[in-house]
């Protein structure tokens, strides 16, 4: 993962922040099963992160299948927000 962030021109500290936010938002989505008020901010945060991930894949001209997981998570996050 460290090498991937280096290819994107991002530092190790950015990698740690992004990783921490992903874990935080994922936990918020899980806890949102019992505390529904957490679902919308968690899904919105995840959508922002996944938008950035897809944009970085496009920036470095990765193959489309490499950005598919981030794009799929983006779509699911938007669906949670909209529905």
PDB file of N, CA and C in Angstrom:
ATOM      1  N   UNK A   1       0.821  -1.182   0.000  1.00  0.00           N
ATOM      2  CA  UNK A   1       0.000   0.000   0.000  1.00  0.00           C
ATOM      3  C   UNK A   1       0.872   1.256   0.000  1.00  0.00           C
ATOM      4  N   UNK A   2       1.979   1.191   0.708  1.00  0.00           N
ATOM      5  CA  UNK A   2       2.895   2.325   0.762  1.00  0.00           C
ATOM      6  C   UNK A   2       3.394   2.677  -0.643  1.00  0.00           C
ATOM      7  N   UNK A   3       3.690   1.660  -1.432  1.00  0.00           N
ATOM      8  CA  UNK A   3       4.169   1.884  -2.795  1.00  0.00           C
ATOM      9  C   UNK A   3       3.079   2.508  -3.663  1.00  0.00           C
ATOM     10  N   UNK A   4       1.841   2.058  -3.467  1.00  0.00           N
ATOM     11  CA  UNK A   4       0.717   2.587  -4.242  1.00  0.00           C
ATOM     12  C   UNK A   4       0.534   4.087  -3.962  1.00  0.00           C
ATOM     13  N   UNK A   5       0.600   4.482  -2.707  1.00  0.00           N
ATOM     14  CA  UNK A   5       0.458   5.893  -2.371  1.00  0.00           C
ATOM     15  C   UNK A   5       1.631   6.691  -2.923  1.00  0.00           C
ATOM     16  N   UNK A   6       2.822   6.102  -2.964  1.00  0.00           N
ATOM     17  CA  UNK A   6       3.981   6.789  -3.537  1.00  0.00           C
ATOM     18  C   UNK A   6       3.762   7.045  -5.026  1.00  0.00           C
ATOM     19  N   UNK A   7       3.176   6.077  -5.728  1.00  0.00           N
ATOM     20  CA  UNK A   7       2.873   6.249  -7.155  1.00  0.00           C
ATOM     21  C   UNK A   7       1.917   7.418  -7.347  1.00  0.00           C
ATOM     22  N   UNK A   8       0.975   7.581  -6.423  1.00  0.00           N
ATOM     23  CA  UNK A   8       0.006   8.683  -6.508  1.00  0.00           C
ATOM     24  C   UNK A   8       0.624  10.012  -6.092  1.00  0.00           C
ATOM     25  N   UNK A   9       1.830   9.985  -5.577  1.00  0.00           N
ATOM     26  CA  UNK A   9       2.485  11.207  -5.126  1.00  0.00           C
ATOM     27  C   UNK A   9       2.049  11.636  -3.736  1.00  0.00           C
ATOM     28  N   UNK A  10       1.575  10.664  -2.945  1.00  0.00           N
ATOM     29  CA  UNK A  10       1.095  10.958  -1.596  1.00  0.00           C
ATOM     30  C   UNK A  10       2.056  10.386  -0.559  1.00  0.00           C
ATOM     31  N   UNK A  11       2.155  11.072   0.562  1.00  0.00           N
ATOM     32  CA  UNK A  11       3.095  10.666   1.606  1.00  0.00           C
ATOM     33  C   UNK A  11       2.538   9.530   2.465  1.00  0.00           C
ATOM     34  N   UNK A  12       3.412   8.982   3.281  1.00  0.00           N
ATOM     35  CA  UNK A  12       3.013   7.912   4.200  1.00  0.00           C
ATOM     36  C   UNK A  12       2.025   8.431   5.246  1.00  0.00           C
ATOM     37  N   UNK A  13       2.192   9.682   5.649  1.00  0.00           N
ATOM     38  CA  UNK A  13       1.253  10.236   6.635  1.00  0.00           C
ATOM     39  C   UNK A  13      -0.146  10.380   6.042  1.00  0.00           C
ATOM     40  N   UNK A  14      -0.241  10.738   4.760  1.00  0.00           N
ATOM     41  CA  UNK A  14      -1.550  10.797   4.090  1.00  0.00           C
ATOM     42  C   UNK A  14      -2.155   9.400   4.034  1.00  0.00           C
ATOM     43  N   UNK A  15      -1.333   8.401   3.768  1.00  0.00           N
ATOM     44  CA  UNK A  15      -1.799   7.016   3.737  1.00  0.00           C
ATOM     45  C   UNK A  15      -2.406   6.627   5.084  1.00  0.00           C
ATOM     46  N   UNK A  16      -1.751   7.011   6.163  1.00  0.00           N
ATOM     47  CA  UNK A  16      -2.251   6.674   7.490  1.00  0.00           C
ATOM     48  C   UNK A  16      -3.556   7.393   7.803  1.00  0.00           C
ATOM     49  N   UNK A  17      -3.659   8.644   7.402  1.00  0.00           N
ATOM     50  CA  UNK A  17      -4.898   9.396   7.633  1.00  0.00           C
ATOM     51  C   UNK A  17      -6.045   8.767   6.839  1.00  0.00           C
ATOM     52  N   UNK A  18      -5.799   8.465   5.573  1.00  0.00           N
ATOM     53  CA  UNK A  18      -6.834   7.856   4.734  1.00  0.00           C
ATOM     54  C   UNK A  18      -7.242   6.498   5.303  1.00  0.00           C
ATOM     55  N   UNK A  19      -6.283   5.693   5.694  1.00  0.00           N
ATOM     56  CA  UNK A  19      -6.585   4.389   6.281  1.00  0.00           C
ATOM     57  C   UNK A  19      -7.394   4.514   7.563  1.00  0.00           C
ATOM     58  N   UNK A  20      -7.016   5.465   8.409  1.00  0.00           N
ATOM     59  CA  UNK A  20      -7.749   5.688   9.646  1.00  0.00           C
ATOM     60  C   UNK A  20      -9.180   6.143   9.396  1.00  0.00           C
ATOM     61  N   UNK A  21      -9.348   7.029   8.406  1.00  0.00           N
ATOM     62  CA  UNK A  21     -10.697   7.483   8.066  1.00  0.00           C
ATOM     63  C   UNK A  21     -11.548   6.354   7.503  1.00  0.00           C
ATOM     64  N   UNK A  22     -10.949   5.515   6.677  1.00  0.00           N
ATOM     65  CA  UNK A  22     -11.700   4.365   6.131  1.00  0.00           C
ATOM     66  C   UNK A  22     -12.189   3.457   7.260  1.00  0.00           C
ATOM     67  N   UNK A  23     -11.319   3.188   8.210  1.00  0.00           N
ATOM     68  CA  UNK A  23     -11.703   2.340   9.352  1.00  0.00           C
ATOM     69  C   UNK A  23     -12.791   3.028  10.165  1.00  0.00           C
ATOM     70  N   UNK A  24     -12.629   4.317  10.425  1.00  0.00           N
ATOM     71  CA  UNK A  24     -13.619   5.063  11.191  1.00  0.00           C
ATOM     72  C   UNK A  24     -14.987   5.026  10.513  1.00  0.00           C
ATOM     73  N   UNK A  25     -15.026   5.324   9.211  1.00  0.00           N
ATOM     74  CA  UNK A  25     -16.303   5.345   8.499  1.00  0.00           C
ATOM     75  C   UNK A  25     -16.920   3.955   8.420  1.00  0.00           C
ATOM     76  N   UNK A  26     -16.094   2.931   8.241  1.00  0.00           N
ATOM     77  CA  UNK A  26     -16.620   1.562   8.208  1.00  0.00           C
ATOM     78  C   UNK A  26     -17.227   1.188   9.562  1.00  0.00           C
ATOM     79  N   UNK A  27     -16.545   1.545  10.646  1.00  0.00           N
ATOM     80  CA  UNK A  27     -17.091   1.274  11.978  1.00  0.00           C
ATOM     81  C   UNK A  27     -18.377   2.065  12.222  1.00  0.00           C
ATOM     82  N   UNK A  28     -18.408   3.295  11.763  1.00  0.00           N
ATOM     83  CA  UNK A  28     -19.625   4.092  11.904  1.00  0.00           C
ATOM     84  C   UNK A  28     -20.794   3.457  11.155  1.00  0.00           C
ATOM     85  N   UNK A  29     -20.512   2.911   9.971  1.00  0.00           N
ATOM     86  CA  UNK A  29     -21.576   2.242   9.218  1.00  0.00           C
ATOM     87  C   UNK A  29     -22.086   1.017   9.980  1.00  0.00           C
ATOM     88  N   UNK A  30     -21.179   0.269  10.578  1.00  0.00           N
ATOM     89  CA  UNK A  30     -21.601  -0.894  11.367  1.00  0.00           C
ATOM     90  C   UNK A  30     -22.404  -0.480  12.594  1.00  0.00           C
ATOM     91  N   UNK A  31     -21.904   0.494  13.325  1.00  0.00           N
ATOM     92  CA  UNK A  31     -22.611   0.961  14.515  1.00  0.00           C
ATOM     93  C   UNK A  31     -23.943   1.607  14.114  1.00  0.00           C
ATOM     94  N   UNK A  32     -23.993   2.120  12.879  1.00  0.00           N
ATOM     95  CA  UNK A  32     -25.211   2.725  12.367  1.00  0.00           C
ATOM     96  C   UNK A  32     -26.394   1.774  12.316  1.00  0.00           C
ATOM     97  N   UNK A  33     -26.134   0.489  12.394  1.00  0.00           N
ATOM     98  CA  UNK A  33     -27.221  -0.487  12.471  1.00  0.00           C
ATOM     99  C   UNK A  33     -28.048  -0.218  13.723  1.00  0.00           C
ATOM    100  N   UNK A  34     -27.387   0.156  14.816  1.00  0.00           N
ATOM    101  CA  UNK A  34     -28.051   0.423  16.086  1.00  0.00           C
ATOM    102  C   UNK A  34     -28.250   1.911  16.365  1.00  0.00           C
ATOM    103  N   UNK A  35     -27.387   2.732  15.733  1.00  0.00           N
ATOM    104  CA  UNK A  35     -27.450   4.187  15.929  1.00  0.00           C
ATOM    105  C   UNK A  35     -27.571   4.833  14.537  1.00  0.00           C
ATOM    106  N   UNK A  36     -28.786   4.877  14.002  1.00  0.00           N
ATOM    107  CA  UNK A  36     -28.988   5.305  12.613  1.00  0.00           C
ATOM    108  C   UNK A  36     -28.460   6.694  12.258  1.00  0.00           C
ATOM    109  N   UNK A  37     -28.312   7.566  13.233  1.00  0.00           N
ATOM    110  CA  UNK A  37     -27.830   8.914  12.947  1.00  0.00           C
ATOM    111  C   UNK A  37     -26.397   8.906  12.397  1.00  0.00           C
ATOM    112  N   UNK A  38     -25.661   7.839  12.590  1.00  0.00           N
ATOM    113  CA  UNK A  38     -24.272   7.745  12.122  1.00  0.00           C
ATOM    114  C   UNK A  38     -24.158   7.351  10.653  1.00  0.00           C
ATOM    115  N   UNK A  39     -25.221   6.797  10.088  1.00  0.00           N
ATOM    116  CA  UNK A  39     -25.133   6.234   8.739  1.00  0.00           C
ATOM    117  C   UNK A  39     -24.847   7.293   7.682  1.00  0.00           C
ATOM    118  N   UNK A  40     -25.584   8.388   7.689  1.00  0.00           N
ATOM    119  CA  UNK A  40     -25.406   9.414   6.657  1.00  0.00           C
ATOM    120  C   UNK A  40     -24.015  10.041   6.673  1.00  0.00           C
ATOM    121  N   UNK A  41     -23.493  10.485   7.825  1.00  0.00           N
ATOM    122  CA  UNK A  41     -22.135  11.039   7.790  1.00  0.00           C
ATOM    123  C   UNK A  41     -21.074  10.007   7.413  1.00  0.00           C
ATOM    124  N   UNK A  42     -21.271   8.753   7.821  1.00  0.00           N
ATOM    125  CA  UNK A  42     -20.300   7.710   7.470  1.00  0.00           C
ATOM    126  C   UNK A  42     -20.312   7.439   5.970  1.00  0.00           C
ATOM    127  N   UNK A  43     -21.500   7.331   5.396  1.00  0.00           N
ATOM    128  CA  UNK A  43     -21.611   7.085   3.956  1.00  0.00           C
ATOM    129  C   UNK A  43     -21.072   8.270   3.159  1.00  0.00           C
ATOM    130  N   UNK A  44     -21.346   9.484   3.626  1.00  0.00           N
ATOM    131  CA  UNK A  44     -20.836  10.675   2.936  1.00  0.00           C
ATOM    132  C   UNK A  44     -19.312  10.734   3.003  1.00  0.00           C
ATOM    133  N   UNK A  45     -18.756  10.444   4.173  1.00  0.00           N
ATOM    134  CA  UNK A  45     -17.300  10.432   4.309  1.00  0.00           C
ATOM    135  C   UNK A  45     -16.650   9.380   3.428  1.00  0.00           C
ATOM    136  N   UNK A  46     -17.258   8.195   3.401  1.00  0.00           N
ATOM    137  CA  UNK A  46     -16.727   7.123   2.553  1.00  0.00           C
ATOM    138  C   UNK A  46     -16.830   7.509   1.076  1.00  0.00           C
ATOM    139  N   UNK A  47     -17.930   8.169   0.692  1.00  0.00           N
ATOM    140  CA  UNK A  47     -18.091   8.605  -0.701  1.00  0.00           C
ATOM    141  C   UNK A  47     -17.007   9.603  -1.090  1.00  0.00           C
ATOM    142  N   UNK A  48     -16.685  10.514  -0.182  1.00  0.00           N
ATOM    143  CA  UNK A  48     -15.623  11.488  -0.462  1.00  0.00           C
ATOM    144  C   UNK A  48     -14.285  10.771  -0.646  1.00  0.00           C
ATOM    145  N   UNK A  49     -13.974   9.845   0.258  1.00  0.00           N
ATOM    146  CA  UNK A  49     -12.711   9.106   0.140  1.00  0.00           C
ATOM    147  C   UNK A  49     -12.645   8.298  -1.157  1.00  0.00           C
ATOM    148  N   UNK A  50     -13.741   7.642  -1.514  1.00  0.00           N
ATOM    149  CA  UNK A  50     -13.748   6.806  -2.712  1.00  0.00           C
ATOM    150  C   UNK A  50     -13.715   7.645  -3.985  1.00  0.00           C
ATOM    151  N   UNK A  51     -14.297   8.837  -3.942  1.00  0.00           N
ATOM    152  CA  UNK A  51     -14.180   9.752  -5.087  1.00  0.00           C
ATOM    153  C   UNK A  51     -12.714  10.111  -5.288  1.00  0.00           C
ATOM    154  N   UNK A  52     -12.040  10.431  -4.204  1.00  0.00           N
ATOM    155  CA  UNK A  52     -10.604  10.724  -4.289  1.00  0.00           C
ATOM    156  C   UNK A  52      -9.806   9.541  -4.792  1.00  0.00           C
ATOM    157  N   UNK A  53     -10.172   8.337  -4.341  1.00  0.00           N
ATOM    158  CA  UNK A  53      -9.456   7.133  -4.785  1.00  0.00           C
ATOM    159  C   UNK A  53      -9.622   6.916  -6.286  1.00  0.00           C
ATOM    160  N   UNK A  54     -10.847   7.052  -6.769  1.00  0.00           N
ATOM    161  CA  UNK A  54     -11.090   6.872  -8.203  1.00  0.00           C
ATOM    162  C   UNK A  54     -10.332   7.932  -8.997  1.00  0.00           C
ATOM    163  N   UNK A  55     -10.357   9.165  -8.501  1.00  0.00           N
ATOM    164  CA  UNK A  55      -9.638  10.237  -9.201  1.00  0.00           C
ATOM    165  C   UNK A  55      -8.135   9.971  -9.244  1.00  0.00           C
ATOM    166  N   UNK A  56      -7.580   9.426  -8.175  1.00  0.00           N
ATOM    167  CA  UNK A  56      -6.147   9.119  -8.172  1.00  0.00           C
ATOM    168  C   UNK A  56      -5.830   7.993  -9.161  1.00  0.00           C
ATOM    169  N   UNK A  57      -6.703   7.002  -9.247  1.00  0.00           N
ATOM    170  CA  UNK A  57      -6.502   5.919 -10.222  1.00  0.00           C
ATOM    171  C   UNK A  57      -6.505   6.488 -11.643  1.00  0.00           C
ATOM    172  N   UNK A  58      -7.412   7.397 -11.910  1.00  0.00           N
ATOM    173  CA  UNK A  58      -7.485   8.019 -13.235  1.00  0.00           C
ATOM    174  C   UNK A  58      -6.241   8.868 -13.482  1.00  0.00           C
ATOM    175  N   UNK A  59      -5.811   9.602 -12.459  1.00  0.00           N
ATOM    176  CA  UNK A  59      -4.636  10.476 -12.579  1.00  0.00           C
ATOM    177  C   UNK A  59      -3.393   9.708 -13.019  1.00  0.00           C
ATOM    178  N   UNK A  60      -3.180   8.520 -12.441  1.00  0.00           N
ATOM    179  CA  UNK A  60      -1.978   7.749 -12.777  1.00  0.00           C
ATOM    180  C   UNK A  60      -2.225   6.756 -13.913  1.00  0.00           C
ATOM    181  N   UNK A  61      -3.421   6.866 -14.509  1.00  0.00           N
ATOM    182  CA  UNK A  61      -3.777   6.036 -15.665  1.00  0.00           C
ATOM    183  C   UNK A  61      -3.734   4.540 -15.367  1.00  0.00           C
ATOM    184  N   UNK A  62      -4.256   4.165 -14.193  1.00  0.00           N
ATOM    185  CA  UNK A  62      -4.388   2.750 -13.852  1.00  0.00           C
ATOM    186  C   UNK A  62      -5.412   2.093 -14.771  1.00  0.00           C
ATOM    187  N   UNK A  63      -5.294   0.799 -14.908  1.00  0.00           N
ATOM    188  CA  UNK A  63      -6.296   0.038 -15.663  1.00  0.00           C
ATOM    189  C   UNK A  63      -7.644   0.162 -14.941  1.00  0.00           C
ATOM    190  N   UNK A  64      -8.748   0.189 -15.696  1.00  0.00           N
ATOM    191  CA  UNK A  64     -10.071   0.347 -15.069  1.00  0.00           C
ATOM    192  C   UNK A  64     -10.364  -0.675 -13.964  1.00  0.00           C
ATOM    193  N   UNK A  65      -9.927  -1.919 -14.145  1.00  0.00           N
ATOM    194  CA  UNK A  65     -10.226  -2.931 -13.120  1.00  0.00           C
ATOM    195  C   UNK A  65      -9.517  -2.638 -11.798  1.00  0.00           C
ATOM    196  N   UNK A  66      -8.469  -1.850 -11.819  1.00  0.00           N
ATOM    197  CA  UNK A  66      -7.775  -1.508 -10.583  1.00  0.00           C
ATOM    198  C   UNK A  66      -8.591  -0.511  -9.740  1.00  0.00           C
ATOM    199  N   UNK A  67      -9.385   0.318 -10.410  1.00  0.00           N
ATOM    200  CA  UNK A  67     -10.214   1.277  -9.674  1.00  0.00           C
ATOM    201  C   UNK A  67     -11.613   0.735  -9.389  1.00  0.00           C
ATOM    202  N   UNK A  68     -11.915  -0.465  -9.839  1.00  0.00           N
ATOM    203  CA  UNK A  68     -13.250  -1.033  -9.662  1.00  0.00           C
ATOM    204  C   UNK A  68     -13.674  -1.151  -8.189  1.00  0.00           C
ATOM    205  N   UNK A  69     -12.813  -1.616  -7.273  1.00  0.00           N
ATOM    206  CA  UNK A  69     -13.247  -1.683  -5.865  1.00  0.00           C
ATOM    207  C   UNK A  69     -13.627  -0.311  -5.299  1.00  0.00           C
ATOM    208  N   UNK A  70     -12.827   0.714  -5.584  1.00  0.00           N
ATOM    209  CA  UNK A  70     -13.134   2.058  -5.087  1.00  0.00           C
ATOM    210  C   UNK A  70     -14.421   2.576  -5.726  1.00  0.00           C
ATOM    211  N   UNK A  71     -14.593   2.333  -7.020  1.00  0.00           N
ATOM    212  CA  UNK A  71     -15.805   2.789  -7.710  1.00  0.00           C
ATOM    213  C   UNK A  71     -17.044   2.078  -7.161  1.00  0.00           C
ATOM    214  N   UNK A  72     -16.929   0.788  -6.912  1.00  0.00           N
ATOM    215  CA  UNK A  72     -18.045   0.022  -6.355  1.00  0.00           C
ATOM    216  C   UNK A  72     -18.423   0.543  -4.973  1.00  0.00           C
ATOM    217  N   UNK A  73     -17.431   0.814  -4.144  1.00  0.00           N
ATOM    218  CA  UNK A  73     -17.702   1.346  -2.807  1.00  0.00           C
ATOM    219  C   UNK A  73     -18.309   2.737  -2.899  1.00  0.00           C
ATOM    220  N   UNK A  74     -17.881   3.532  -3.868  1.00  0.00           N
ATOM    221  CA  UNK A  74     -18.458   4.854  -4.092  1.00  0.00           C
ATOM    222  C   UNK A  74     -19.941   4.732  -4.441  1.00  0.00           C
ATOM    223  N   UNK A  75     -20.264   3.844  -5.362  1.00  0.00           N
ATOM    224  CA  UNK A  75     -21.662   3.647  -5.761  1.00  0.00           C
ATOM    225  C   UNK A  75     -22.505   3.191  -4.567  1.00  0.00           C
ATOM    226  N   UNK A  76     -21.985   2.243  -3.790  1.00  0.00           N
ATOM    227  CA  UNK A  76     -22.734   1.760  -2.629  1.00  0.00           C
ATOM    228  C   UNK A  76     -22.937   2.878  -1.599  1.00  0.00           C
ATOM    229  N   UNK A  77     -21.930   3.701  -1.391  1.00  0.00           N
ATOM    230  CA  UNK A  77     -22.042   4.805  -0.441  1.00  0.00           C
ATOM    231  C   UNK A  77     -23.093   5.812  -0.906  1.00  0.00           C
ATOM    232  N   UNK A  78     -23.090   6.116  -2.193  1.00  0.00           N
ATOM    233  CA  UNK A  78     -24.085   7.045  -2.729  1.00  0.00           C
ATOM    234  C   UNK A  78     -25.478   6.467  -2.602  1.00  0.00           C
ATOM    235  N   UNK A  79     -25.623   5.174  -2.843  1.00  0.00           N
ATOM    236  CA  UNK A  79     -26.929   4.524  -2.665  1.00  0.00           C
ATOM    237  C   UNK A  79     -27.420   4.623  -1.219  1.00  0.00           C
ATOM    238  N   UNK A  80     -26.521   4.440  -0.263  1.00  0.00           N
ATOM    239  CA  UNK A  80     -26.906   4.566   1.143  1.00  0.00           C
ATOM    240  C   UNK A  80     -27.359   6.009   1.429  1.00  0.00           C
ATOM    241  N   UNK A  81     -26.682   6.979   0.855  1.00  0.00           N
ATOM    242  CA  UNK A  81     -27.047   8.392   1.065  1.00  0.00           C
ATOM    243  C   UNK A  81     -28.413   8.694   0.455  1.00  0.00           C
ATOM    244  N   UNK A  82     -28.622   8.235  -0.771  1.00  0.00           N
ATOM    245  CA  UNK A  82     -29.838   8.560  -1.507  1.00  0.00           C
ATOM    246  C   UNK A  82     -31.049   7.791  -0.997  1.00  0.00           C
ATOM    247  N   UNK A  83     -30.843   6.543  -0.652  1.00  0.00           N
ATOM    248  CA  UNK A  83     -31.975   5.720  -0.230  1.00  0.00           C
ATOM    249  C   UNK A  83     -32.106   5.792   1.263  1.00  0.00           C
TER     250      UNK A  83
END
